[in-house]
Amino acid sequence: MDSKTILADASARMQKAVDFLEETLLNIRAGKASTNVLNGVFVDYYGSQTPVSGVASVTVPDAKTILIQPWDKNMIRAIEKAILDSNIGLTPSNNGEHIRLSIPPLTEERRKELVKQSKGEVENARISLRNARRDAVEAFKKAVKEGMPEDESKDGESQAQKLLEKYSKMVDAAFEKKEKEIMTV
């Protein structure tokens, strides 16, 4: 194992943690309509579990509404049931043609809960970043025992720390953006 390989592996793991955090934050509802709310909702479509976006057109006509237009009109009941069973906190209403999800305005208390939930996700991402750094440092220590020069190992450890700081800033930026989005009335 050379230092480039160890650092590339640590960097890839840290990037995955940041990407996962951003994906998770997208799924936290911030009072504005977003098709991401339906990412975890699956419908039984002829025996297979299919995402809502796979059986219908999902659009956001305005900031407070999500419109779902099934390609097969027989799917309306199944989509409604899937939304209700998914516990996303939205009640569907249909007119026989399409389903509307109205996004209720957030209370101050709910906004604070969402920020708290976001902080939890950010902390999980930070733990993943620190674990990636720790594994890189351990890999450098192991490499020294296998013949890597000690100064190269120390340089690698400091570069792993710099990677951690770089990705931590990305995590902080993602959180600040989400917190601003949640707290904006």
N, C-alpha and C. Protein backbone atom coordinates (compact mmCIF):
# COMPACT_ATOMS: atom_id res chain seq x y z
N MET A 1 0.86 -1.20 0.00
CA MET A 1 0.00 0.00 0.00
C MET A 1 0.89 1.24 0.00
N ASP A 2 0.68 2.11 -0.97
CA ASP A 2 1.41 3.38 -0.96
C ASP A 2 0.48 4.48 -0.46
N SER A 3 1.05 5.63 -0.17
CA SER A 3 0.27 6.71 0.44
C SER A 3 -0.84 7.21 -0.49
N LYS A 4 -0.58 7.23 -1.80
CA LYS A 4 -1.63 7.70 -2.73
C LYS A 4 -2.86 6.80 -2.66
N THR A 5 -2.65 5.50 -2.59
CA THR A 5 -3.77 4.56 -2.53
C THR A 5 -4.56 4.76 -1.25
N ILE A 6 -3.86 4.89 -0.13
CA ILE A 6 -4.52 5.06 1.17
C ILE A 6 -5.34 6.35 1.17
N LEU A 7 -4.74 7.44 0.69
CA LEU A 7 -5.44 8.73 0.68
C LEU A 7 -6.60 8.73 -0.31
N ALA A 8 -6.43 8.07 -1.45
CA ALA A 8 -7.51 8.01 -2.44
C ALA A 8 -8.70 7.24 -1.86
N ASP A 9 -8.42 6.16 -1.13
CA ASP A 9 -9.49 5.38 -0.50
C ASP A 9 -10.21 6.22 0.56
N ALA A 10 -9.43 6.93 1.39
CA ALA A 10 -10.03 7.78 2.43
C ALA A 10 -10.86 8.89 1.80
N SER A 11 -10.35 9.49 0.75
CA SER A 11 -11.07 10.57 0.07
C SER A 11 -12.37 10.05 -0.53
N ALA A 12 -12.33 8.88 -1.13
CA ALA A 12 -13.55 8.30 -1.73
C ALA A 12 -14.59 8.03 -0.65
N ARG A 13 -14.14 7.50 0.49
CA ARG A 13 -15.09 7.22 1.58
C ARG A 13 -15.69 8.51 2.13
N MET A 14 -14.86 9.54 2.24
CA MET A 14 -15.36 10.82 2.75
C MET A 14 -16.35 11.44 1.77
N GLN A 15 -16.06 11.33 0.47
CA GLN A 15 -16.97 11.87 -0.53
C GLN A 15 -18.31 11.15 -0.49
N LYS A 16 -18.27 9.82 -0.29
CA LYS A 16 -19.52 9.06 -0.18
C LYS A 16 -20.33 9.52 1.02
N ALA A 17 -19.65 9.82 2.13
CA ALA A 17 -20.35 10.28 3.33
C ALA A 17 -21.04 11.63 3.06
N VAL A 18 -20.34 12.53 2.38
CA VAL A 18 -20.91 13.84 2.05
C VAL A 18 -22.09 13.68 1.07
N ASP A 19 -21.92 12.83 0.06
CA ASP A 19 -23.00 12.59 -0.90
C ASP A 19 -24.23 12.02 -0.21
N PHE A 20 -24.01 11.07 0.70
CA PHE A 20 -25.12 10.46 1.42
C PHE A 20 -25.83 11.49 2.28
N LEU A 21 -25.04 12.36 2.93
CA LEU A 21 -25.64 13.41 3.76
C LEU A 21 -26.51 14.33 2.90
N GLU A 22 -26.00 14.76 1.76
CA GLU A 22 -26.76 15.66 0.90
C GLU A 22 -28.05 15.00 0.43
N GLU A 23 -27.98 13.71 0.10
CA GLU A 23 -29.18 12.97 -0.32
C GLU A 23 -30.19 12.89 0.83
N THR A 24 -29.68 12.62 2.03
CA THR A 24 -30.55 12.52 3.20
C THR A 24 -31.20 13.87 3.51
N LEU A 25 -30.43 14.94 3.41
CA LEU A 25 -30.97 16.27 3.70
C LEU A 25 -32.04 16.65 2.68
N LEU A 26 -31.90 16.19 1.45
CA LEU A 26 -32.93 16.47 0.44
C LEU A 26 -34.27 15.86 0.84
N ASN A 27 -34.22 14.73 1.55
CA ASN A 27 -35.45 14.04 1.94
C ASN A 27 -36.11 14.63 3.17
N ILE A 28 -35.44 15.57 3.83
CA ILE A 28 -36.05 16.24 4.99
C ILE A 28 -36.88 17.39 4.46
N ARG A 29 -38.17 17.30 4.71
CA ARG A 29 -39.12 18.27 4.16
C ARG A 29 -38.95 19.63 4.84
N ALA A 30 -38.82 20.68 4.06
CA ALA A 30 -38.56 22.01 4.61
C ALA A 30 -39.72 22.97 4.36
N GLY A 31 -40.93 22.46 4.20
CA GLY A 31 -42.07 23.35 4.01
C GLY A 31 -42.32 23.73 2.57
N LYS A 32 -41.38 23.40 1.69
CA LYS A 32 -41.56 23.66 0.27
C LYS A 32 -41.80 22.32 -0.42
N ALA A 33 -42.65 22.33 -1.42
CA ALA A 33 -42.93 21.10 -2.16
C ALA A 33 -41.67 20.66 -2.91
N SER A 34 -41.39 19.37 -2.84
CA SER A 34 -40.25 18.81 -3.55
C SER A 34 -40.57 17.36 -3.90
N THR A 35 -40.21 16.96 -5.09
CA THR A 35 -40.47 15.58 -5.50
C THR A 35 -39.62 14.60 -4.69
N ASN A 36 -38.57 15.08 -4.03
CA ASN A 36 -37.72 14.22 -3.22
C ASN A 36 -38.47 13.59 -2.05
N VAL A 37 -39.57 14.20 -1.63
CA VAL A 37 -40.37 13.67 -0.53
C VAL A 37 -40.83 12.25 -0.86
N LEU A 38 -41.05 11.98 -2.14
CA LEU A 38 -41.58 10.68 -2.55
C LEU A 38 -40.49 9.65 -2.88
N ASN A 39 -39.22 10.00 -2.65
CA ASN A 39 -38.14 9.08 -3.00
C ASN A 39 -38.26 7.72 -2.34
N GLY A 40 -38.73 7.68 -1.09
CA GLY A 40 -38.80 6.41 -0.38
C GLY A 40 -40.15 5.72 -0.48
N VAL A 41 -41.03 6.21 -1.34
CA VAL A 41 -42.38 5.65 -1.46
C VAL A 41 -42.42 4.68 -2.65
N PHE A 42 -42.77 3.42 -2.35
CA PHE A 42 -42.82 2.40 -3.39
C PHE A 42 -44.24 1.86 -3.53
N VAL A 43 -44.63 1.59 -4.77
CA VAL A 43 -45.97 1.12 -5.10
C VAL A 43 -45.87 -0.31 -5.63
N ASP A 44 -46.84 -1.15 -5.28
CA ASP A 44 -46.89 -2.50 -5.82
C ASP A 44 -47.43 -2.39 -7.25
N TYR A 45 -46.54 -2.52 -8.22
CA TYR A 45 -46.91 -2.37 -9.64
C TYR A 45 -46.77 -3.72 -10.32
N TYR A 46 -47.88 -4.40 -10.47
CA TYR A 46 -47.92 -5.73 -11.07
C TYR A 46 -46.91 -6.68 -10.44
N GLY A 47 -46.90 -6.69 -9.11
CA GLY A 47 -46.07 -7.64 -8.38
C GLY A 47 -44.68 -7.19 -8.01
N SER A 48 -44.24 -6.03 -8.49
CA SER A 48 -42.90 -5.58 -8.09
C SER A 48 -43.00 -4.20 -7.43
N GLN A 49 -42.11 -3.95 -6.49
CA GLN A 49 -42.09 -2.67 -5.80
C GLN A 49 -41.39 -1.65 -6.70
N THR A 50 -42.13 -0.61 -7.06
CA THR A 50 -41.65 0.41 -8.00
C THR A 50 -41.80 1.77 -7.35
N PRO A 51 -40.81 2.67 -7.50
CA PRO A 51 -40.97 4.02 -6.96
C PRO A 51 -42.13 4.73 -7.64
N VAL A 52 -42.74 5.69 -6.93
CA VAL A 52 -43.88 6.42 -7.48
C VAL A 52 -43.50 7.06 -8.82
N SER A 53 -42.28 7.57 -8.91
CA SER A 53 -41.85 8.22 -10.16
C SER A 53 -41.76 7.22 -11.32
N GLY A 54 -41.80 5.91 -11.01
CA GLY A 54 -41.76 4.89 -12.06
C GLY A 54 -43.13 4.54 -12.61
N VAL A 55 -44.20 4.97 -11.93
CA VAL A 55 -45.55 4.64 -12.38
C VAL A 55 -46.38 5.90 -12.66
N ALA A 56 -45.79 7.07 -12.43
CA ALA A 56 -46.55 8.31 -12.59
C ALA A 56 -45.61 9.47 -12.87
N SER A 57 -46.21 10.53 -13.40
CA SER A 57 -45.48 11.78 -13.59
C SER A 57 -45.62 12.58 -12.29
N VAL A 58 -44.49 12.94 -11.68
CA VAL A 58 -44.51 13.68 -10.42
C VAL A 58 -43.98 15.08 -10.70
N THR A 59 -44.83 16.11 -10.45
CA THR A 59 -44.42 17.49 -10.72
C THR A 59 -44.74 18.37 -9.52
N VAL A 60 -44.16 19.55 -9.52
CA VAL A 60 -44.41 20.55 -8.47
C VAL A 60 -44.95 21.80 -9.15
N PRO A 61 -46.30 21.91 -9.25
CA PRO A 61 -46.88 23.07 -9.95
C PRO A 61 -46.69 24.38 -9.18
N ASP A 62 -46.64 24.33 -7.84
CA ASP A 62 -46.36 25.53 -7.05
C ASP A 62 -45.63 25.11 -5.78
N ALA A 63 -45.26 26.08 -4.95
CA ALA A 63 -44.42 25.82 -3.78
C ALA A 63 -45.09 24.98 -2.71
N LYS A 64 -46.39 24.83 -2.76
CA LYS A 64 -47.10 24.10 -1.70
C LYS A 64 -47.81 22.83 -2.20
N THR A 65 -47.59 22.43 -3.44
CA THR A 65 -48.33 21.29 -4.00
C THR A 65 -47.42 20.36 -4.80
N ILE A 66 -47.65 19.06 -4.62
CA ILE A 66 -47.02 18.05 -5.47
C ILE A 66 -48.15 17.37 -6.24
N LEU A 67 -47.99 17.27 -7.55
CA LEU A 67 -49.02 16.69 -8.40
C LEU A 67 -48.50 15.36 -8.96
N ILE A 68 -49.28 14.30 -8.76
CA ILE A 68 -48.91 12.97 -9.24
C ILE A 68 -49.95 12.54 -10.26
N GLN A 69 -49.52 12.33 -11.51
CA GLN A 69 -50.42 11.90 -12.57
C GLN A 69 -50.02 10.49 -13.02
N PRO A 70 -50.76 9.47 -12.54
CA PRO A 70 -50.42 8.08 -12.91
C PRO A 70 -50.60 7.86 -14.41
N TRP A 71 -49.70 7.06 -14.99
CA TRP A 71 -49.84 6.75 -16.41
C TRP A 71 -50.99 5.76 -16.60
N ASP A 72 -51.23 4.94 -15.58
CA ASP A 72 -52.33 3.98 -15.61
C ASP A 72 -53.33 4.42 -14.54
N LYS A 73 -54.53 4.82 -14.96
CA LYS A 73 -55.53 5.36 -14.01
C LYS A 73 -55.87 4.37 -12.89
N ASN A 74 -55.69 3.06 -13.14
CA ASN A 74 -55.97 2.05 -12.12
C ASN A 74 -54.99 2.11 -10.95
N MET A 75 -53.89 2.84 -11.12
CA MET A 75 -52.85 2.90 -10.08
C MET A 75 -53.14 3.96 -9.02
N ILE A 76 -54.16 4.79 -9.20
CA ILE A 76 -54.43 5.88 -8.26
C ILE A 76 -54.58 5.36 -6.83
N ARG A 77 -55.42 4.33 -6.64
CA ARG A 77 -55.64 3.78 -5.29
C ARG A 77 -54.34 3.23 -4.69
N ALA A 78 -53.57 2.51 -5.50
CA ALA A 78 -52.32 1.92 -5.02
C ALA A 78 -51.32 3.00 -4.61
N ILE A 79 -51.25 4.07 -5.40
CA ILE A 79 -50.32 5.17 -5.08
C ILE A 79 -50.77 5.86 -3.79
N GLU A 80 -52.08 6.12 -3.67
CA GLU A 80 -52.59 6.74 -2.44
C GLU A 80 -52.26 5.89 -1.22
N LYS A 81 -52.47 4.60 -1.33
CA LYS A 81 -52.22 3.69 -0.22
C LYS A 81 -50.72 3.71 0.13
N ALA A 82 -49.86 3.69 -0.87
CA ALA A 82 -48.41 3.70 -0.64
C ALA A 82 -47.99 4.98 0.07
N ILE A 83 -48.58 6.12 -0.31
CA ILE A 83 -48.24 7.40 0.32
C ILE A 83 -48.69 7.40 1.78
N LEU A 84 -49.90 6.91 2.03
CA LEU A 84 -50.40 6.86 3.41
C LEU A 84 -49.57 5.90 4.26
N ASP A 85 -49.18 4.75 3.70
CA ASP A 85 -48.41 3.76 4.45
C ASP A 85 -46.97 4.19 4.70
N SER A 86 -46.47 5.15 3.91
CA SER A 86 -45.06 5.52 4.00
C SER A 86 -44.75 6.47 5.16
N ASN A 87 -45.77 7.03 5.80
CA ASN A 87 -45.57 7.94 6.93
C ASN A 87 -44.72 9.16 6.58
N ILE A 88 -44.95 9.75 5.41
CA ILE A 88 -44.23 10.99 5.08
C ILE A 88 -44.98 12.21 5.61
N GLY A 89 -46.12 11.96 6.22
CA GLY A 89 -46.85 13.06 6.86
C GLY A 89 -47.73 13.87 5.91
N LEU A 90 -48.04 13.33 4.75
CA LEU A 90 -48.88 14.04 3.78
C LEU A 90 -50.10 13.18 3.46
N THR A 91 -51.24 13.83 3.32
CA THR A 91 -52.47 13.12 2.98
C THR A 91 -52.82 13.39 1.52
N PRO A 92 -52.90 12.33 0.71
CA PRO A 92 -53.23 12.53 -0.71
C PRO A 92 -54.71 12.78 -0.93
N SER A 93 -55.02 13.57 -1.96
CA SER A 93 -56.41 13.74 -2.38
C SER A 93 -56.43 13.57 -3.89
N ASN A 94 -57.45 12.83 -4.40
CA ASN A 94 -57.47 12.62 -5.84
C ASN A 94 -58.81 13.03 -6.42
N ASN A 95 -58.79 13.31 -7.72
CA ASN A 95 -60.02 13.67 -8.42
C ASN A 95 -60.33 12.67 -9.53
N GLY A 96 -59.75 11.48 -9.42
CA GLY A 96 -59.97 10.45 -10.44
C GLY A 96 -58.94 10.50 -11.56
N GLU A 97 -58.31 11.66 -11.75
CA GLU A 97 -57.32 11.83 -12.81
C GLU A 97 -55.90 11.85 -12.23
N HIS A 98 -55.73 12.60 -11.15
CA HIS A 98 -54.41 12.73 -10.54
C HIS A 98 -54.54 12.91 -9.03
N ILE A 99 -53.40 12.82 -8.36
CA ILE A 99 -53.34 12.94 -6.90
C ILE A 99 -52.60 14.21 -6.55
N ARG A 100 -53.15 14.95 -5.60
CA ARG A 100 -52.50 16.17 -5.11
C ARG A 100 -52.03 15.94 -3.68
N LEU A 101 -50.82 16.39 -3.40
CA LEU A 101 -50.30 16.40 -2.04
C LEU A 101 -50.08 17.86 -1.67
N SER A 102 -50.81 18.34 -0.67
CA SER A 102 -50.64 19.72 -0.24
C SER A 102 -49.66 19.74 0.92
N ILE A 103 -48.66 20.60 0.80
CA ILE A 103 -47.63 20.71 1.84
C ILE A 103 -48.11 21.74 2.85
N PRO A 104 -48.37 21.32 4.09
CA PRO A 104 -48.82 22.29 5.09
C PRO A 104 -47.66 23.20 5.52
N PRO A 105 -47.98 24.44 5.91
CA PRO A 105 -46.91 25.31 6.40
C PRO A 105 -46.36 24.74 7.71
N LEU A 106 -45.05 24.92 7.92
CA LEU A 106 -44.41 24.38 9.11
C LEU A 106 -44.58 25.32 10.30
N THR A 107 -44.83 24.73 11.46
CA THR A 107 -44.86 25.53 12.68
C THR A 107 -43.42 25.74 13.13
N GLU A 108 -43.23 26.71 14.02
CA GLU A 108 -41.89 26.99 14.54
C GLU A 108 -41.31 25.75 15.22
N GLU A 109 -42.18 25.07 15.97
CA GLU A 109 -41.74 23.86 16.69
C GLU A 109 -41.28 22.78 15.70
N ARG A 110 -42.03 22.59 14.62
CA ARG A 110 -41.69 21.58 13.62
C ARG A 110 -40.39 21.96 12.90
N ARG A 111 -40.20 23.25 12.65
CA ARG A 111 -38.95 23.70 12.03
C ARG A 111 -37.75 23.34 12.90
N LYS A 112 -37.90 23.57 14.22
CA LYS A 112 -36.80 23.25 15.14
C LYS A 112 -36.54 21.74 15.17
N GLU A 113 -37.62 20.94 15.10
CA GLU A 113 -37.46 19.48 15.04
C GLU A 113 -36.69 19.08 13.78
N LEU A 114 -37.03 19.71 12.65
CA LEU A 114 -36.35 19.38 11.40
C LEU A 114 -34.87 19.77 11.44
N VAL A 115 -34.57 20.91 12.07
CA VAL A 115 -33.17 21.32 12.21
C VAL A 115 -32.44 20.30 13.08
N LYS A 116 -33.09 19.86 14.15
CA LYS A 116 -32.50 18.88 15.05
C LYS A 116 -32.24 17.57 14.30
N GLN A 117 -33.21 17.15 13.49
CA GLN A 117 -33.06 15.94 12.68
C GLN A 117 -31.88 16.11 11.71
N SER A 118 -31.77 17.28 11.11
CA SER A 118 -30.66 17.56 10.20
C SER A 118 -29.33 17.49 10.93
N LYS A 119 -29.29 18.04 12.15
CA LYS A 119 -28.04 17.99 12.94
C LYS A 119 -27.64 16.55 13.20
N GLY A 120 -28.62 15.69 13.47
CA GLY A 120 -28.33 14.27 13.69
C GLY A 120 -27.70 13.64 12.46
N GLU A 121 -28.25 13.96 11.30
CA GLU A 121 -27.69 13.42 10.05
C GLU A 121 -26.28 13.96 9.81
N VAL A 122 -26.06 15.25 10.14
CA VAL A 122 -24.73 15.85 9.98
C VAL A 122 -23.74 15.16 10.91
N GLU A 123 -24.16 14.86 12.13
CA GLU A 123 -23.27 14.19 13.08
C GLU A 123 -22.90 12.79 12.57
N ASN A 124 -23.88 12.08 11.98
CA ASN A 124 -23.57 10.77 11.39
C ASN A 124 -22.53 10.90 10.28
N ALA A 125 -22.65 11.95 9.47
CA ALA A 125 -21.68 12.17 8.39
C ALA A 125 -20.30 12.47 8.98
N ARG A 126 -20.26 13.28 10.04
CA ARG A 126 -18.96 13.59 10.67
C ARG A 126 -18.30 12.32 11.22
N ILE A 127 -19.12 11.45 11.81
CA ILE A 127 -18.58 10.19 12.34
C ILE A 127 -17.98 9.37 11.19
N SER A 128 -18.68 9.32 10.06
CA SER A 128 -18.16 8.59 8.90
C SER A 128 -16.84 9.19 8.42
N LEU A 129 -16.75 10.52 8.42
CA LEU A 129 -15.51 11.19 8.01
C LEU A 129 -14.36 10.83 8.95
N ARG A 130 -14.64 10.90 10.26
CA ARG A 130 -13.59 10.58 11.24
C ARG A 130 -13.17 9.12 11.13
N ASN A 131 -14.13 8.23 10.87
CA ASN A 131 -13.79 6.81 10.70
C ASN A 131 -12.89 6.61 9.49
N ALA A 132 -13.16 7.32 8.41
CA ALA A 132 -12.33 7.21 7.21
C ALA A 132 -10.91 7.70 7.51
N ARG A 133 -10.81 8.81 8.25
CA ARG A 133 -9.48 9.32 8.61
C ARG A 133 -8.75 8.33 9.50
N ARG A 134 -9.47 7.79 10.50
CA ARG A 134 -8.86 6.84 11.43
C ARG A 134 -8.33 5.62 10.68
N ASP A 135 -9.14 5.09 9.75
CA ASP A 135 -8.71 3.93 8.98
C ASP A 135 -7.48 4.25 8.13
N ALA A 136 -7.43 5.47 7.59
CA ALA A 136 -6.26 5.88 6.79
C ALA A 136 -5.02 5.96 7.68
N VAL A 137 -5.16 6.53 8.87
CA VAL A 137 -4.02 6.65 9.79
C VAL A 137 -3.55 5.25 10.20
N GLU A 138 -4.48 4.35 10.47
CA GLU A 138 -4.10 2.98 10.82
C GLU A 138 -3.40 2.29 9.65
N ALA A 139 -3.87 2.56 8.43
CA ALA A 139 -3.23 1.98 7.24
C ALA A 139 -1.80 2.50 7.11
N PHE A 140 -1.58 3.78 7.42
CA PHE A 140 -0.22 4.32 7.36
C PHE A 140 0.67 3.67 8.42
N LYS A 141 0.15 3.46 9.62
CA LYS A 141 0.94 2.82 10.69
C LYS A 141 1.29 1.39 10.30
N LYS A 142 0.34 0.71 9.68
CA LYS A 142 0.58 -0.66 9.23
C LYS A 142 1.62 -0.67 8.11
N ALA A 143 1.53 0.33 7.23
CA ALA A 143 2.48 0.42 6.11
C ALA A 143 3.90 0.67 6.59
N VAL A 144 4.05 1.41 7.70
CA VAL A 144 5.39 1.66 8.26
C VAL A 144 6.00 0.32 8.69
N LYS A 145 5.17 -0.53 9.31
CA LYS A 145 5.67 -1.85 9.74
C LYS A 145 6.07 -2.70 8.54
N GLU A 146 5.45 -2.42 7.39
CA GLU A 146 5.75 -3.19 6.17
C GLU A 146 6.82 -2.52 5.32
N GLY A 147 7.45 -1.46 5.83
CA GLY A 147 8.59 -0.89 5.12
C GLY A 147 8.41 0.52 4.58
N MET A 148 7.27 1.16 4.78
CA MET A 148 7.11 2.55 4.31
C MET A 148 7.96 3.46 5.20
N PRO A 149 8.65 4.44 4.59
CA PRO A 149 9.43 5.38 5.41
C PRO A 149 8.51 6.13 6.39
N GLU A 150 9.04 6.36 7.60
CA GLU A 150 8.22 6.97 8.64
C GLU A 150 7.80 8.40 8.29
N ASP A 151 8.68 9.16 7.64
CA ASP A 151 8.30 10.54 7.28
C ASP A 151 7.19 10.55 6.23
N GLU A 152 7.19 9.58 5.32
CA GLU A 152 6.10 9.48 4.33
C GLU A 152 4.79 9.15 5.04
N SER A 153 4.87 8.30 6.05
CA SER A 153 3.69 7.95 6.83
C SER A 153 3.15 9.17 7.57
N LYS A 154 4.03 9.95 8.18
CA LYS A 154 3.60 11.16 8.92
C LYS A 154 2.97 12.16 7.95
N ASP A 155 3.57 12.33 6.76
CA ASP A 155 3.00 13.21 5.75
C ASP A 155 1.60 12.73 5.36
N GLY A 156 1.47 11.42 5.19
CA GLY A 156 0.18 10.85 4.83
C GLY A 156 -0.87 11.09 5.89
N GLU A 157 -0.46 10.93 7.17
CA GLU A 157 -1.40 11.17 8.27
C GLU A 157 -1.85 12.63 8.29
N SER A 158 -0.92 13.55 8.04
CA SER A 158 -1.32 14.97 8.03
C SER A 158 -2.20 15.27 6.81
N GLN A 159 -1.96 14.60 5.69
CA GLN A 159 -2.83 14.79 4.52
C GLN A 159 -4.21 14.21 4.79
N ALA A 160 -4.29 13.12 5.54
CA ALA A 160 -5.59 12.55 5.91
C ALA A 160 -6.35 13.54 6.79
N GLN A 161 -5.64 14.22 7.67
CA GLN A 161 -6.27 15.24 8.52
C GLN A 161 -6.78 16.41 7.66
N LYS A 162 -5.98 16.80 6.66
CA LYS A 162 -6.41 17.88 5.77
C LYS A 162 -7.65 17.47 4.97
N LEU A 163 -7.70 16.21 4.55
CA LEU A 163 -8.89 15.71 3.86
C LEU A 163 -10.11 15.81 4.77
N LEU A 164 -9.92 15.40 6.03
CA LEU A 164 -11.02 15.47 7.00
C LEU A 164 -11.52 16.91 7.13
N GLU A 165 -10.61 17.86 7.23
CA GLU A 165 -11.01 19.27 7.36
C GLU A 165 -11.74 19.75 6.12
N LYS A 166 -11.25 19.35 4.94
CA LYS A 166 -11.89 19.75 3.68
C LYS A 166 -13.33 19.23 3.61
N TYR A 167 -13.50 17.95 3.90
CA TYR A 167 -14.84 17.36 3.81
C TYR A 167 -15.74 17.83 4.95
N SER A 168 -15.16 18.15 6.10
CA SER A 168 -15.96 18.70 7.20
C SER A 168 -16.56 20.04 6.81
N LYS A 169 -15.79 20.84 6.07
CA LYS A 169 -16.32 22.13 5.60
C LYS A 169 -17.48 21.91 4.64
N MET A 170 -17.38 20.87 3.82
CA MET A 170 -18.49 20.56 2.89
C MET A 170 -19.74 20.15 3.67
N VAL A 171 -19.55 19.38 4.73
CA VAL A 171 -20.67 18.95 5.57
C VAL A 171 -21.30 20.17 6.25
N ASP A 172 -20.45 21.06 6.78
CA ASP A 172 -20.96 22.28 7.44
C ASP A 172 -21.75 23.14 6.46
N ALA A 173 -21.25 23.27 5.23
CA ALA A 173 -21.93 24.08 4.22
C ALA A 173 -23.29 23.48 3.87
N ALA A 174 -23.34 22.16 3.76
CA ALA A 174 -24.62 21.49 3.44
C ALA A 174 -25.62 21.71 4.58
N PHE A 175 -25.13 21.64 5.83
CA PHE A 175 -26.03 21.85 6.97
C PHE A 175 -26.53 23.29 7.02
N GLU A 176 -25.63 24.25 6.82
CA GLU A 176 -26.03 25.66 6.88
C GLU A 176 -27.09 25.96 5.81
N LYS A 177 -26.90 25.39 4.62
CA LYS A 177 -27.86 25.59 3.53
C LYS A 177 -29.21 25.01 3.93
N LYS A 178 -29.21 23.80 4.49
CA LYS A 178 -30.47 23.14 4.87
C LYS A 178 -31.14 23.88 6.02
N GLU A 179 -30.34 24.33 7.00
CA GLU A 179 -30.91 25.05 8.15
C GLU A 179 -31.57 26.34 7.68
N LYS A 180 -30.91 27.04 6.75
CA LYS A 180 -31.48 28.28 6.22
C LYS A 180 -32.79 27.99 5.49
N GLU A 181 -32.79 26.89 4.71
CA GLU A 181 -33.99 26.50 3.96
C GLU A 181 -35.14 26.17 4.91
N ILE A 182 -34.84 25.47 5.99
CA ILE A 182 -35.88 25.07 6.95
C ILE A 182 -36.42 26.29 7.70
N MET A 183 -35.54 27.17 8.13
CA MET A 183 -35.95 28.28 8.99
C MET A 183 -36.55 29.45 8.21
N THR A 184 -36.42 29.45 6.87
CA THR A 184 -37.02 30.51 6.05
C THR A 184 -38.54 30.29 6.02
N VAL A 185 -39.27 31.31 6.44
CA VAL A 185 -40.74 31.20 6.49
C VAL A 185 -41.32 31.63 5.16
